[in-house]
Amino acid sequence: MTTVLVVDDQALIRGALRDILDGVEGIRVVGEATTGQEALQVARRERPDVIVMDIRMPDLDGIGATAQICADPSLAETRVLMLTTFEEDEYLVSALRAGASGFIGKAAEPGDIVRAVLAVHAGDALLSPTATRALITRYLQPSAPVSAMTSDALAHLTEREREVLLLVARGRSNDEIASDLFISPHTAKTHVKRIMTKLFAHDRAQLVITAYESGLLVPGA
């Protein structure tokens, strides 16, 4: 069972999301919130698997709430799916840095919303490889110095792990990584998990950010 918390300050959107998700076997909406602060309270009480989080809200916006949720050890298993509109693209990298696992548009089809929630719960980055690359290339500038923590963590990656990280950053799935490197899908998955542990990454979306910010992969490359 995938449990979901819906967070949006518009009752119409909350209601529509609840109707879509509660109508799917294996998904249960366990709560709603109208502000970022309320989302924190409900999340800590209900411990949902996935939070569908709006970006613009009163009291505390979705990015601030996401940062606090992803930094809370008691919510280590909770994933955040940002609810966005086209005009809010400039906020998406900030949301990734805060710990969001992916994005879904408010105009998305019901089936796409369901698949997004399940994908995020499974630990996958939501955006397609093409969309992920386009987003990072457009908004992420790897000109800032790499932090000591990031630099040290990258130094502890093996050569194979660096290869895998580059492929993850290019949007490759575990099966595609396995094919590219002539290894088994299980081995590819193991490499990805070890890299996430070494880089303190919440999920694959944060691995993409780390690869670009560290200079391992340059936007447009």
N, C-alpha and C. Protein backbone atom coordinates (compact mmCIF):
# COMPACT_ATOMS: atom_id res chain seq x y z
N MET A 1 0.84 -1.20 0.00
CA MET A 1 0.00 0.00 0.00
C MET A 1 0.87 1.25 0.00
N THR A 2 0.58 2.17 -0.91
CA THR A 2 1.28 3.45 -0.97
C THR A 2 0.40 4.51 -0.33
N THR A 3 0.88 5.10 0.76
CA THR A 3 0.10 6.12 1.45
C THR A 3 0.54 7.51 0.98
N VAL A 4 -0.42 8.41 0.85
CA VAL A 4 -0.17 9.71 0.23
C VAL A 4 -0.76 10.84 1.07
N LEU A 5 0.01 11.93 1.18
CA LEU A 5 -0.48 13.18 1.77
C LEU A 5 -0.58 14.20 0.64
N VAL A 6 -1.73 14.84 0.50
CA VAL A 6 -1.96 15.84 -0.55
C VAL A 6 -1.87 17.23 0.06
N VAL A 7 -0.99 18.07 -0.50
CA VAL A 7 -0.77 19.41 0.05
C VAL A 7 -0.98 20.46 -1.03
N ASP A 8 -2.01 21.29 -0.87
CA ASP A 8 -2.28 22.38 -1.79
C ASP A 8 -3.26 23.33 -1.11
N ASP A 9 -3.10 24.63 -1.35
CA ASP A 9 -3.99 25.58 -0.69
C ASP A 9 -5.32 25.74 -1.40
N GLN A 10 -5.50 25.05 -2.54
CA GLN A 10 -6.77 25.13 -3.27
C GLN A 10 -7.58 23.85 -3.03
N ALA A 11 -8.76 24.02 -2.46
CA ALA A 11 -9.60 22.87 -2.12
C ALA A 11 -9.96 22.04 -3.35
N LEU A 12 -10.18 22.71 -4.48
CA LEU A 12 -10.56 22.00 -5.70
C LEU A 12 -9.47 21.03 -6.14
N ILE A 13 -8.22 21.46 -6.07
CA ILE A 13 -7.11 20.60 -6.48
C ILE A 13 -6.93 19.46 -5.49
N ARG A 14 -7.01 19.76 -4.21
CA ARG A 14 -6.89 18.70 -3.21
C ARG A 14 -7.97 17.64 -3.41
N GLY A 15 -9.19 18.10 -3.64
CA GLY A 15 -10.28 17.15 -3.83
C GLY A 15 -10.10 16.30 -5.07
N ALA A 16 -9.64 16.93 -6.15
CA ALA A 16 -9.44 16.18 -7.39
C ALA A 16 -8.34 15.14 -7.22
N LEU A 17 -7.26 15.50 -6.55
CA LEU A 17 -6.17 14.54 -6.33
C LEU A 17 -6.62 13.39 -5.44
N ARG A 18 -7.36 13.71 -4.41
CA ARG A 18 -7.87 12.64 -3.54
C ARG A 18 -8.75 11.68 -4.31
N ASP A 19 -9.66 12.22 -5.12
CA ASP A 19 -10.55 11.37 -5.91
C ASP A 19 -9.75 10.46 -6.85
N ILE A 20 -8.73 11.02 -7.50
CA ILE A 20 -7.91 10.23 -8.44
C ILE A 20 -7.16 9.13 -7.71
N LEU A 21 -6.49 9.49 -6.62
CA LEU A 21 -5.60 8.54 -5.96
C LEU A 21 -6.35 7.51 -5.12
N ASP A 22 -7.39 7.95 -4.42
CA ASP A 22 -8.15 7.01 -3.59
C ASP A 22 -8.91 5.99 -4.43
N GLY A 23 -9.08 6.30 -5.72
CA GLY A 23 -9.78 5.37 -6.60
C GLY A 23 -8.90 4.28 -7.17
N VAL A 24 -7.64 4.26 -6.79
CA VAL A 24 -6.69 3.28 -7.33
C VAL A 24 -6.35 2.25 -6.25
N GLU A 25 -6.47 0.99 -6.61
CA GLU A 25 -6.11 -0.07 -5.67
C GLU A 25 -4.62 0.01 -5.35
N GLY A 26 -4.31 -0.06 -4.07
CA GLY A 26 -2.91 0.00 -3.65
C GLY A 26 -2.44 1.39 -3.27
N ILE A 27 -3.31 2.40 -3.40
CA ILE A 27 -2.98 3.77 -3.00
C ILE A 27 -4.05 4.26 -2.02
N ARG A 28 -3.61 4.92 -0.95
CA ARG A 28 -4.56 5.47 0.02
C ARG A 28 -4.11 6.86 0.45
N VAL A 29 -4.99 7.84 0.31
CA VAL A 29 -4.71 9.20 0.78
C VAL A 29 -4.96 9.23 2.29
N VAL A 30 -3.93 9.57 3.06
CA VAL A 30 -4.04 9.52 4.52
C VAL A 30 -4.21 10.90 5.14
N GLY A 31 -4.17 11.95 4.30
CA GLY A 31 -4.35 13.28 4.85
C GLY A 31 -4.25 14.37 3.81
N GLU A 32 -4.66 15.57 4.20
CA GLU A 32 -4.56 16.75 3.36
C GLU A 32 -3.99 17.89 4.20
N ALA A 33 -3.34 18.84 3.53
CA ALA A 33 -2.84 20.03 4.19
C ALA A 33 -2.95 21.21 3.24
N THR A 34 -3.09 22.41 3.80
CA THR A 34 -3.29 23.60 2.97
C THR A 34 -2.09 24.55 3.00
N THR A 35 -1.15 24.33 3.91
CA THR A 35 0.05 25.16 4.01
C THR A 35 1.26 24.26 4.25
N GLY A 36 2.45 24.84 4.07
CA GLY A 36 3.66 24.07 4.32
C GLY A 36 3.78 23.66 5.78
N GLN A 37 3.44 24.56 6.70
CA GLN A 37 3.52 24.23 8.12
C GLN A 37 2.56 23.10 8.48
N GLU A 38 1.36 23.17 7.93
CA GLU A 38 0.39 22.11 8.19
C GLU A 38 0.89 20.79 7.60
N ALA A 39 1.53 20.86 6.43
CA ALA A 39 2.08 19.65 5.80
C ALA A 39 3.10 18.98 6.71
N LEU A 40 3.95 19.77 7.36
CA LEU A 40 4.93 19.21 8.29
C LEU A 40 4.24 18.48 9.44
N GLN A 41 3.21 19.09 9.99
CA GLN A 41 2.50 18.49 11.12
C GLN A 41 1.84 17.17 10.73
N VAL A 42 1.14 17.20 9.59
CA VAL A 42 0.44 15.99 9.16
C VAL A 42 1.43 14.90 8.75
N ALA A 43 2.51 15.29 8.10
CA ALA A 43 3.52 14.31 7.67
C ALA A 43 4.13 13.60 8.87
N ARG A 44 4.44 14.35 9.92
CA ARG A 44 5.05 13.74 11.11
C ARG A 44 4.06 12.85 11.85
N ARG A 45 2.78 13.13 11.69
CA ARG A 45 1.77 12.30 12.35
C ARG A 45 1.46 11.04 11.54
N GLU A 46 1.33 11.20 10.23
CA GLU A 46 0.87 10.10 9.38
C GLU A 46 2.00 9.29 8.75
N ARG A 47 3.21 9.87 8.63
CA ARG A 47 4.36 9.22 7.99
C ARG A 47 4.00 8.65 6.61
N PRO A 48 3.51 9.49 5.69
CA PRO A 48 3.10 8.98 4.37
C PRO A 48 4.31 8.54 3.55
N ASP A 49 4.06 7.66 2.59
CA ASP A 49 5.12 7.24 1.67
C ASP A 49 5.45 8.36 0.69
N VAL A 50 4.41 9.07 0.23
CA VAL A 50 4.58 10.13 -0.76
C VAL A 50 3.77 11.35 -0.35
N ILE A 51 4.39 12.53 -0.50
CA ILE A 51 3.67 13.78 -0.32
C ILE A 51 3.58 14.48 -1.66
N VAL A 52 2.36 14.75 -2.12
CA VAL A 52 2.16 15.54 -3.34
C VAL A 52 2.07 16.98 -2.88
N MET A 53 3.11 17.76 -3.20
CA MET A 53 3.31 19.08 -2.58
C MET A 53 3.23 20.22 -3.60
N ASP A 54 2.35 21.16 -3.35
CA ASP A 54 2.30 22.36 -4.17
C ASP A 54 3.51 23.24 -3.85
N ILE A 55 3.95 24.06 -4.81
CA ILE A 55 5.09 24.93 -4.57
C ILE A 55 4.67 26.22 -3.87
N ARG A 56 3.65 26.90 -4.39
CA ARG A 56 3.24 28.19 -3.84
C ARG A 56 2.10 28.02 -2.85
N MET A 57 2.41 28.33 -1.58
CA MET A 57 1.41 28.23 -0.52
C MET A 57 1.71 29.29 0.53
N PRO A 58 0.69 29.69 1.30
CA PRO A 58 0.92 30.63 2.39
C PRO A 58 1.61 29.93 3.57
N ASP A 59 2.12 30.74 4.49
CA ASP A 59 2.71 30.25 5.73
C ASP A 59 4.12 29.69 5.52
N LEU A 60 4.25 28.67 4.71
CA LEU A 60 5.55 28.09 4.35
C LEU A 60 5.37 27.47 2.98
N ASP A 61 6.21 27.86 2.01
CA ASP A 61 6.00 27.34 0.65
C ASP A 61 6.46 25.89 0.54
N GLY A 62 6.16 25.28 -0.61
CA GLY A 62 6.45 23.87 -0.79
C GLY A 62 7.92 23.53 -0.74
N ILE A 63 8.78 24.44 -1.21
CA ILE A 63 10.21 24.18 -1.20
C ILE A 63 10.74 24.18 0.23
N GLY A 64 10.30 25.16 1.02
CA GLY A 64 10.72 25.19 2.42
C GLY A 64 10.22 23.99 3.19
N ALA A 65 8.97 23.60 2.95
CA ALA A 65 8.42 22.43 3.62
C ALA A 65 9.16 21.16 3.21
N THR A 66 9.48 21.06 1.92
CA THR A 66 10.21 19.89 1.42
C THR A 66 11.57 19.78 2.08
N ALA A 67 12.28 20.90 2.21
CA ALA A 67 13.59 20.89 2.84
C ALA A 67 13.51 20.37 4.27
N GLN A 68 12.50 20.81 5.01
CA GLN A 68 12.37 20.37 6.40
C GLN A 68 11.97 18.90 6.48
N ILE A 69 11.09 18.49 5.59
CA ILE A 69 10.65 17.09 5.59
C ILE A 69 11.82 16.16 5.26
N CYS A 70 12.60 16.52 4.24
CA CYS A 70 13.70 15.66 3.81
C CYS A 70 14.87 15.66 4.80
N ALA A 71 14.91 16.68 5.68
CA ALA A 71 15.96 16.74 6.69
C ALA A 71 15.54 16.07 8.00
N ASP A 72 14.30 15.64 8.08
CA ASP A 72 13.77 15.04 9.31
C ASP A 72 14.03 13.54 9.32
N PRO A 73 14.86 13.03 10.22
CA PRO A 73 15.16 11.58 10.24
C PRO A 73 13.93 10.71 10.39
N SER A 74 12.90 11.22 11.06
CA SER A 74 11.69 10.42 11.25
C SER A 74 10.90 10.26 9.96
N LEU A 75 11.23 11.08 8.93
CA LEU A 75 10.54 11.00 7.65
C LEU A 75 11.48 10.54 6.54
N ALA A 76 12.48 9.76 6.92
CA ALA A 76 13.50 9.32 5.96
C ALA A 76 12.93 8.51 4.81
N GLU A 77 11.81 7.85 5.03
CA GLU A 77 11.21 7.00 3.99
C GLU A 77 10.16 7.75 3.17
N THR A 78 9.90 9.00 3.51
CA THR A 78 8.89 9.79 2.80
C THR A 78 9.50 10.48 1.59
N ARG A 79 8.82 10.40 0.45
CA ARG A 79 9.27 11.06 -0.77
C ARG A 79 8.32 12.20 -1.12
N VAL A 80 8.88 13.26 -1.71
CA VAL A 80 8.07 14.43 -2.06
C VAL A 80 7.96 14.56 -3.57
N LEU A 81 6.74 14.67 -4.04
CA LEU A 81 6.43 14.87 -5.44
C LEU A 81 5.87 16.28 -5.58
N MET A 82 6.60 17.17 -6.26
CA MET A 82 6.18 18.56 -6.37
C MET A 82 5.07 18.71 -7.41
N LEU A 83 4.07 19.50 -7.04
CA LEU A 83 2.95 19.81 -7.93
C LEU A 83 3.23 21.19 -8.54
N THR A 84 3.34 21.25 -9.86
CA THR A 84 3.82 22.48 -10.50
C THR A 84 2.93 22.93 -11.65
N THR A 85 3.20 24.16 -12.09
CA THR A 85 2.65 24.65 -13.34
C THR A 85 3.82 25.03 -14.23
N PHE A 86 3.55 25.22 -15.49
CA PHE A 86 4.63 25.55 -16.45
C PHE A 86 5.39 26.79 -16.01
N GLU A 87 4.67 27.77 -15.47
CA GLU A 87 5.30 29.04 -15.10
C GLU A 87 6.24 28.90 -13.92
N GLU A 88 6.20 27.77 -13.22
CA GLU A 88 7.01 27.62 -12.02
C GLU A 88 8.30 26.84 -12.26
N ASP A 89 8.68 26.66 -13.53
CA ASP A 89 9.87 25.88 -13.84
C ASP A 89 11.11 26.36 -13.09
N GLU A 90 11.21 27.69 -12.89
CA GLU A 90 12.42 28.22 -12.28
C GLU A 90 12.60 27.75 -10.84
N TYR A 91 11.53 27.23 -10.23
CA TYR A 91 11.62 26.76 -8.86
C TYR A 91 12.05 25.29 -8.77
N LEU A 92 12.08 24.59 -9.88
CA LEU A 92 12.23 23.15 -9.82
C LEU A 92 13.61 22.71 -9.34
N VAL A 93 14.66 23.39 -9.76
CA VAL A 93 15.99 23.02 -9.28
C VAL A 93 16.09 23.26 -7.78
N SER A 94 15.50 24.35 -7.29
CA SER A 94 15.48 24.60 -5.85
C SER A 94 14.76 23.48 -5.13
N ALA A 95 13.69 22.98 -5.74
CA ALA A 95 12.95 21.87 -5.14
C ALA A 95 13.79 20.60 -5.12
N LEU A 96 14.52 20.33 -6.19
CA LEU A 96 15.42 19.17 -6.21
C LEU A 96 16.48 19.28 -5.12
N ARG A 97 17.07 20.46 -5.02
CA ARG A 97 18.09 20.66 -3.99
C ARG A 97 17.52 20.49 -2.59
N ALA A 98 16.25 20.84 -2.42
CA ALA A 98 15.60 20.67 -1.12
C ALA A 98 15.31 19.22 -0.81
N GLY A 99 15.34 18.36 -1.84
CA GLY A 99 15.12 16.94 -1.62
C GLY A 99 13.95 16.33 -2.35
N ALA A 100 13.25 17.12 -3.19
CA ALA A 100 12.12 16.58 -3.94
C ALA A 100 12.57 15.46 -4.86
N SER A 101 11.71 14.48 -5.04
CA SER A 101 12.03 13.33 -5.87
C SER A 101 11.52 13.46 -7.30
N GLY A 102 10.71 14.48 -7.56
CA GLY A 102 10.19 14.63 -8.92
C GLY A 102 9.09 15.67 -8.97
N PHE A 103 8.47 15.77 -10.15
CA PHE A 103 7.50 16.82 -10.41
C PHE A 103 6.35 16.28 -11.24
N ILE A 104 5.18 16.84 -11.01
CA ILE A 104 4.02 16.50 -11.82
C ILE A 104 3.23 17.79 -12.04
N GLY A 105 2.77 18.03 -13.25
CA GLY A 105 2.02 19.23 -13.56
C GLY A 105 0.59 19.15 -13.08
N LYS A 106 0.02 20.30 -12.75
CA LYS A 106 -1.37 20.34 -12.27
C LYS A 106 -2.35 19.96 -13.37
N ALA A 107 -1.91 20.04 -14.61
CA ALA A 107 -2.79 19.67 -15.73
C ALA A 107 -2.55 18.24 -16.20
N ALA A 108 -1.79 17.46 -15.44
CA ALA A 108 -1.48 16.08 -15.85
C ALA A 108 -2.73 15.22 -15.88
N GLU A 109 -2.69 14.20 -16.73
CA GLU A 109 -3.80 13.24 -16.80
C GLU A 109 -3.81 12.38 -15.53
N PRO A 110 -4.99 11.90 -15.12
CA PRO A 110 -5.07 11.07 -13.90
C PRO A 110 -4.11 9.90 -13.90
N GLY A 111 -3.99 9.21 -15.03
CA GLY A 111 -3.08 8.07 -15.10
C GLY A 111 -1.64 8.47 -14.88
N ASP A 112 -1.26 9.65 -15.37
CA ASP A 112 0.11 10.13 -15.18
C ASP A 112 0.37 10.46 -13.71
N ILE A 113 -0.63 10.99 -13.04
CA ILE A 113 -0.47 11.30 -11.62
C ILE A 113 -0.29 10.03 -10.81
N VAL A 114 -1.07 9.02 -11.11
CA VAL A 114 -0.94 7.73 -10.42
C VAL A 114 0.44 7.14 -10.65
N ARG A 115 0.87 7.12 -11.90
CA ARG A 115 2.20 6.57 -12.21
C ARG A 115 3.31 7.36 -11.52
N ALA A 116 3.13 8.69 -11.43
CA ALA A 116 4.13 9.53 -10.77
C ALA A 116 4.26 9.17 -9.30
N VAL A 117 3.14 9.02 -8.63
CA VAL A 117 3.16 8.68 -7.21
C VAL A 117 3.83 7.33 -6.99
N LEU A 118 3.50 6.35 -7.80
CA LEU A 118 4.08 5.02 -7.65
C LEU A 118 5.58 5.02 -7.98
N ALA A 119 5.96 5.81 -8.98
CA ALA A 119 7.38 5.88 -9.36
C ALA A 119 8.20 6.50 -8.24
N VAL A 120 7.70 7.57 -7.66
CA VAL A 120 8.42 8.23 -6.58
C VAL A 120 8.52 7.32 -5.36
N HIS A 121 7.43 6.60 -5.06
CA HIS A 121 7.45 5.67 -3.92
C HIS A 121 8.48 4.57 -4.16
N ALA A 122 8.67 4.19 -5.40
CA ALA A 122 9.63 3.13 -5.73
C ALA A 122 11.07 3.63 -5.69
N GLY A 123 11.26 4.94 -5.51
CA GLY A 123 12.61 5.48 -5.43
C GLY A 123 13.15 6.01 -6.73
N ASP A 124 12.31 6.09 -7.75
CA ASP A 124 12.74 6.60 -9.05
C ASP A 124 12.55 8.12 -9.11
N ALA A 125 13.43 8.78 -9.89
CA ALA A 125 13.19 10.19 -10.19
C ALA A 125 12.03 10.25 -11.18
N LEU A 126 11.11 11.16 -10.96
CA LEU A 126 9.90 11.16 -11.77
C LEU A 126 10.10 11.62 -13.20
N LEU A 127 10.85 12.68 -13.41
CA LEU A 127 10.96 13.22 -14.76
C LEU A 127 11.59 12.22 -15.71
N SER A 128 11.15 12.24 -16.95
CA SER A 128 11.76 11.42 -17.97
C SER A 128 13.21 11.85 -18.14
N PRO A 129 14.09 10.97 -18.67
CA PRO A 129 15.49 11.37 -18.89
C PRO A 129 15.62 12.66 -19.68
N THR A 130 14.82 12.81 -20.74
CA THR A 130 14.91 14.01 -21.56
C THR A 130 14.51 15.25 -20.78
N ALA A 131 13.42 15.15 -20.03
CA ALA A 131 12.96 16.29 -19.24
C ALA A 131 13.95 16.64 -18.14
N THR A 132 14.52 15.63 -17.50
CA THR A 132 15.50 15.87 -16.45
C THR A 132 16.69 16.62 -17.00
N ARG A 133 17.23 16.16 -18.12
CA ARG A 133 18.40 16.82 -18.71
C ARG A 133 18.07 18.25 -19.12
N ALA A 134 16.89 18.43 -19.71
CA ALA A 134 16.50 19.77 -20.16
C ALA A 134 16.37 20.72 -18.98
N LEU A 135 15.77 20.24 -17.90
CA LEU A 135 15.58 21.08 -16.72
C LEU A 135 16.93 21.48 -16.13
N ILE A 136 17.81 20.52 -15.93
CA ILE A 136 19.09 20.81 -15.31
C ILE A 136 19.93 21.71 -16.23
N THR A 137 19.92 21.43 -17.52
CA THR A 137 20.70 22.24 -18.45
C THR A 137 20.23 23.68 -18.45
N ARG A 138 18.91 23.88 -18.30
CA ARG A 138 18.36 25.23 -18.37
C ARG A 138 18.62 26.04 -17.11
N TYR A 139 18.55 25.39 -15.95
CA TYR A 139 18.57 26.16 -14.72
C TYR A 139 19.77 25.94 -13.82
N LEU A 140 20.47 24.81 -13.95
CA LEU A 140 21.56 24.53 -13.03
C LEU A 140 22.89 24.95 -13.63
N GLN A 141 23.57 25.87 -13.00
CA GLN A 141 24.87 26.33 -13.46
C GLN A 141 25.94 25.81 -12.51
N PRO A 142 26.80 24.89 -12.94
CA PRO A 142 27.78 24.30 -12.04
C PRO A 142 29.00 25.19 -11.85
N SER A 143 28.76 26.47 -11.64
CA SER A 143 29.88 27.40 -11.51
C SER A 143 30.29 27.62 -10.05
N ALA A 144 29.40 27.27 -9.13
CA ALA A 144 29.73 27.44 -7.72
C ALA A 144 30.74 26.38 -7.29
N PRO A 145 31.61 26.71 -6.33
CA PRO A 145 32.59 25.74 -5.87
C PRO A 145 31.92 24.51 -5.28
N VAL A 146 32.51 23.36 -5.50
CA VAL A 146 31.98 22.13 -4.94
C VAL A 146 32.26 22.14 -3.44
N SER A 147 31.27 21.77 -2.65
CA SER A 147 31.46 21.77 -1.21
C SER A 147 32.48 20.71 -0.82
N ALA A 148 33.10 20.89 0.36
CA ALA A 148 34.08 19.92 0.83
C ALA A 148 33.46 18.55 0.99
N MET A 149 32.20 18.51 1.47
CA MET A 149 31.53 17.24 1.66
C MET A 149 31.33 16.53 0.33
N THR A 150 30.85 17.27 -0.68
CA THR A 150 30.63 16.67 -1.99
C THR A 150 31.93 16.21 -2.61
N SER A 151 32.96 17.03 -2.52
CA SER A 151 34.25 16.68 -3.09
C SER A 151 34.82 15.43 -2.43
N ASP A 152 34.72 15.37 -1.11
CA ASP A 152 35.24 14.22 -0.38
C ASP A 152 34.47 12.96 -0.74
N ALA A 153 33.15 13.08 -0.85
CA ALA A 153 32.33 11.91 -1.18
C ALA A 153 32.64 11.40 -2.58
N LEU A 154 32.80 12.33 -3.54
CA LEU A 154 33.13 11.92 -4.90
C LEU A 154 34.48 11.23 -4.95
N ALA A 155 35.40 11.66 -4.11
CA ALA A 155 36.74 11.07 -4.09
C ALA A 155 36.69 9.62 -3.64
N HIS A 156 35.63 9.24 -2.93
CA HIS A 156 35.52 7.87 -2.45
C HIS A 156 34.74 6.96 -3.39
N LEU A 157 34.29 7.50 -4.51
CA LEU A 157 33.63 6.65 -5.51
C LEU A 157 34.69 5.88 -6.29
N THR A 158 34.39 4.64 -6.60
CA THR A 158 35.28 3.87 -7.46
C THR A 158 35.11 4.35 -8.90
N GLU A 159 36.01 3.92 -9.77
CA GLU A 159 35.92 4.30 -11.17
C GLU A 159 34.61 3.80 -11.77
N ARG A 160 34.22 2.60 -11.42
CA ARG A 160 32.95 2.05 -11.92
C ARG A 160 31.78 2.86 -11.40
N GLU A 161 31.83 3.25 -10.13
CA GLU A 161 30.73 4.04 -9.56
C GLU A 161 30.62 5.40 -10.24
N ARG A 162 31.74 5.98 -10.62
CA ARG A 162 31.70 7.25 -11.36
C ARG A 162 31.04 7.04 -12.72
N GLU A 163 31.34 5.93 -13.36
CA GLU A 163 30.71 5.63 -14.65
C GLU A 163 29.20 5.51 -14.47
N VAL A 164 28.79 4.82 -13.43
CA VAL A 164 27.36 4.62 -13.17
C VAL A 164 26.69 5.96 -12.85
N LEU A 165 27.35 6.79 -12.04
CA LEU A 165 26.80 8.10 -11.70
C LEU A 165 26.59 8.95 -12.94
N LEU A 166 27.53 8.93 -13.86
CA LEU A 166 27.38 9.69 -15.10
C LEU A 166 26.17 9.21 -15.90
N LEU A 167 25.98 7.90 -15.94
CA LEU A 167 24.85 7.35 -16.69
C LEU A 167 23.52 7.70 -16.01
N VAL A 168 23.50 7.66 -14.68
CA VAL A 168 22.30 8.08 -13.96
C VAL A 168 21.98 9.53 -14.29
N ALA A 169 23.01 10.38 -14.28
CA ALA A 169 22.81 11.80 -14.57
C ALA A 169 22.32 12.03 -15.98
N ARG A 170 22.64 11.12 -16.88
CA ARG A 170 22.17 11.24 -18.26
C ARG A 170 20.79 10.61 -18.45
N GLY A 171 20.18 10.20 -17.32
CA GLY A 171 18.81 9.71 -17.37
C GLY A 171 18.66 8.25 -17.70
N ARG A 172 19.73 7.47 -17.56
CA ARG A 172 19.66 6.05 -17.91
C ARG A 172 19.03 5.25 -16.76
N SER A 173 18.19 4.29 -17.11
CA SER A 173 17.59 3.40 -16.13
C SER A 173 18.60 2.34 -15.72
N ASN A 174 18.28 1.57 -14.68
CA ASN A 174 19.19 0.50 -14.26
C ASN A 174 19.42 -0.52 -15.38
N ASP A 175 18.36 -0.86 -16.09
CA ASP A 175 18.51 -1.82 -17.19
C ASP A 175 19.40 -1.26 -18.29
N GLU A 176 19.25 0.04 -18.58
CA GLU A 176 20.07 0.66 -19.62
C GLU A 176 21.53 0.76 -19.17
N ILE A 177 21.72 1.06 -17.89
CA ILE A 177 23.08 1.11 -17.35
C ILE A 177 23.73 -0.27 -17.46
N ALA A 178 22.98 -1.30 -17.13
CA ALA A 178 23.49 -2.66 -17.23
C ALA A 178 23.91 -2.99 -18.66
N SER A 179 23.08 -2.60 -19.61
CA SER A 179 23.40 -2.86 -21.02
C SER A 179 24.63 -2.08 -21.46
N ASP A 180 24.71 -0.82 -21.06
CA ASP A 180 25.85 0.03 -21.46
C ASP A 180 27.17 -0.49 -20.91
N LEU A 181 27.15 -1.01 -19.68
CA LEU A 181 28.39 -1.40 -19.01
C LEU A 181 28.62 -2.91 -19.02
N PHE A 182 27.71 -3.65 -19.69
CA PHE A 182 27.84 -5.11 -19.79
C PHE A 182 27.87 -5.77 -18.41
N ILE A 183 26.95 -5.33 -17.56
CA ILE A 183 26.79 -5.93 -16.24
C ILE A 183 25.33 -6.31 -16.08
N SER A 184 25.00 -7.02 -15.00
CA SER A 184 23.62 -7.43 -14.79
C SER A 184 22.81 -6.26 -14.22
N PRO A 185 21.49 -6.26 -14.43
CA PRO A 185 20.65 -5.21 -13.84
C PRO A 185 20.78 -5.18 -12.32
N HIS A 186 20.92 -6.35 -11.69
CA HIS A 186 21.09 -6.40 -10.23
C HIS A 186 22.36 -5.68 -9.81
N THR A 187 23.44 -5.89 -10.55
CA THR A 187 24.71 -5.23 -10.23
C THR A 187 24.58 -3.73 -10.43
N ALA A 188 23.89 -3.31 -11.49
CA ALA A 188 23.68 -1.88 -11.73
C ALA A 188 22.91 -1.26 -10.58
N LYS A 189 21.87 -1.94 -10.14
CA LYS A 189 21.05 -1.44 -9.03
C LYS A 189 21.89 -1.33 -7.76
N THR A 190 22.76 -2.32 -7.52
CA THR A 190 23.63 -2.31 -6.35
C THR A 190 24.58 -1.12 -6.39
N HIS A 191 25.16 -0.87 -7.57
CA HIS A 191 26.05 0.28 -7.73
C HIS A 191 25.33 1.59 -7.40
N VAL A 192 24.10 1.74 -7.92
CA VAL A 192 23.34 2.96 -7.69
C VAL A 192 23.07 3.15 -6.19
N LYS A 193 22.69 2.09 -5.51
CA LYS A 193 22.42 2.18 -4.08
C LYS A 193 23.67 2.57 -3.30
N ARG A 194 24.82 2.00 -3.69
CA ARG A 194 26.06 2.34 -2.98
C ARG A 194 26.45 3.79 -3.21
N ILE A 195 26.23 4.26 -4.44
CA ILE A 195 26.54 5.67 -4.75
C ILE A 195 25.65 6.59 -3.93
N MET A 196 24.36 6.26 -3.84
CA MET A 196 23.44 7.08 -3.05
C MET A 196 23.88 7.15 -1.59
N THR A 197 24.36 6.03 -1.07
CA THR A 197 24.83 6.00 0.32
C THR A 197 26.06 6.88 0.49
N LYS A 198 27.01 6.76 -0.43
CA LYS A 198 28.25 7.53 -0.33
C LYS A 198 28.03 9.02 -0.50
N LEU A 199 27.05 9.39 -1.32
CA LEU A 199 26.81 10.80 -1.60
C LEU A 199 25.68 11.38 -0.75
N PHE A 200 25.17 10.57 0.19
CA PHE A 200 24.08 11.02 1.06
C PHE A 200 22.89 11.51 0.23
N ALA A 201 22.60 10.82 -0.86
CA ALA A 201 21.52 11.20 -1.77
C ALA A 201 20.22 10.54 -1.35
N HIS A 202 19.15 11.33 -1.39
CA HIS A 202 17.82 10.83 -1.02
C HIS A 202 17.29 9.89 -2.09
N ASP A 203 17.59 10.19 -3.35
CA ASP A 203 17.11 9.36 -4.46
C ASP A 203 17.91 9.70 -5.72
N ARG A 204 17.49 9.17 -6.86
CA ARG A 204 18.22 9.36 -8.11
C ARG A 204 18.21 10.82 -8.56
N ALA A 205 17.14 11.54 -8.24
CA ALA A 205 17.08 12.95 -8.64
C ALA A 205 18.24 13.73 -8.02
N GLN A 206 18.57 13.42 -6.78
CA GLN A 206 19.67 14.13 -6.14
C GLN A 206 21.02 13.69 -6.70
N LEU A 207 21.10 12.46 -7.21
CA LEU A 207 22.34 12.05 -7.88
C LEU A 207 22.56 12.89 -9.14
N VAL A 208 21.49 13.21 -9.85
CA VAL A 208 21.60 14.05 -11.04
C VAL A 208 22.16 15.42 -10.65
N ILE A 209 21.60 16.01 -9.60
CA ILE A 209 22.07 17.31 -9.13
C ILE A 209 23.55 17.24 -8.77
N THR A 210 23.95 16.21 -8.03
CA THR A 210 25.34 16.08 -7.58
C THR A 210 26.29 15.95 -8.77
N ALA A 211 25.89 15.18 -9.78
CA ALA A 211 26.76 15.00 -10.94
C ALA A 211 27.02 16.31 -11.66
N TYR A 212 25.99 17.14 -11.77
CA TYR A 212 26.15 18.44 -12.43
C TYR A 212 26.91 19.42 -11.54
N GLU A 213 26.54 19.50 -10.28
CA GLU A 213 27.16 20.48 -9.40
C GLU A 213 28.64 20.17 -9.15
N SER A 214 29.00 18.88 -9.20
CA SER A 214 30.38 18.49 -8.98
C SER A 214 31.26 18.69 -10.21
N GLY A 215 30.61 18.91 -11.37
CA GLY A 215 31.36 19.06 -12.59
C GLY A 215 31.62 17.73 -13.31
N LEU A 216 31.12 16.64 -12.77
CA LEU A 216 31.28 15.35 -13.45
C LEU A 216 30.61 15.38 -14.82
N LEU A 217 29.47 16.07 -14.88
CA LEU A 217 28.76 16.19 -16.15
C LEU A 217 28.40 17.66 -16.35
N VAL A 218 28.72 18.18 -17.50
CA VAL A 218 28.48 19.59 -17.80
C VAL A 218 27.15 19.71 -18.54
N PRO A 219 26.28 20.68 -18.17
CA PRO A 219 25.03 20.87 -18.88
C PRO A 219 25.25 20.95 -20.38
N GLY A 220 24.45 20.17 -21.12
CA GLY A 220 24.54 20.15 -22.56
C GLY A 220 25.48 19.08 -23.08
N ALA A 221 26.25 18.45 -22.19
CA ALA A 221 27.22 17.43 -22.63
C ALA A 221 26.53 16.12 -22.92
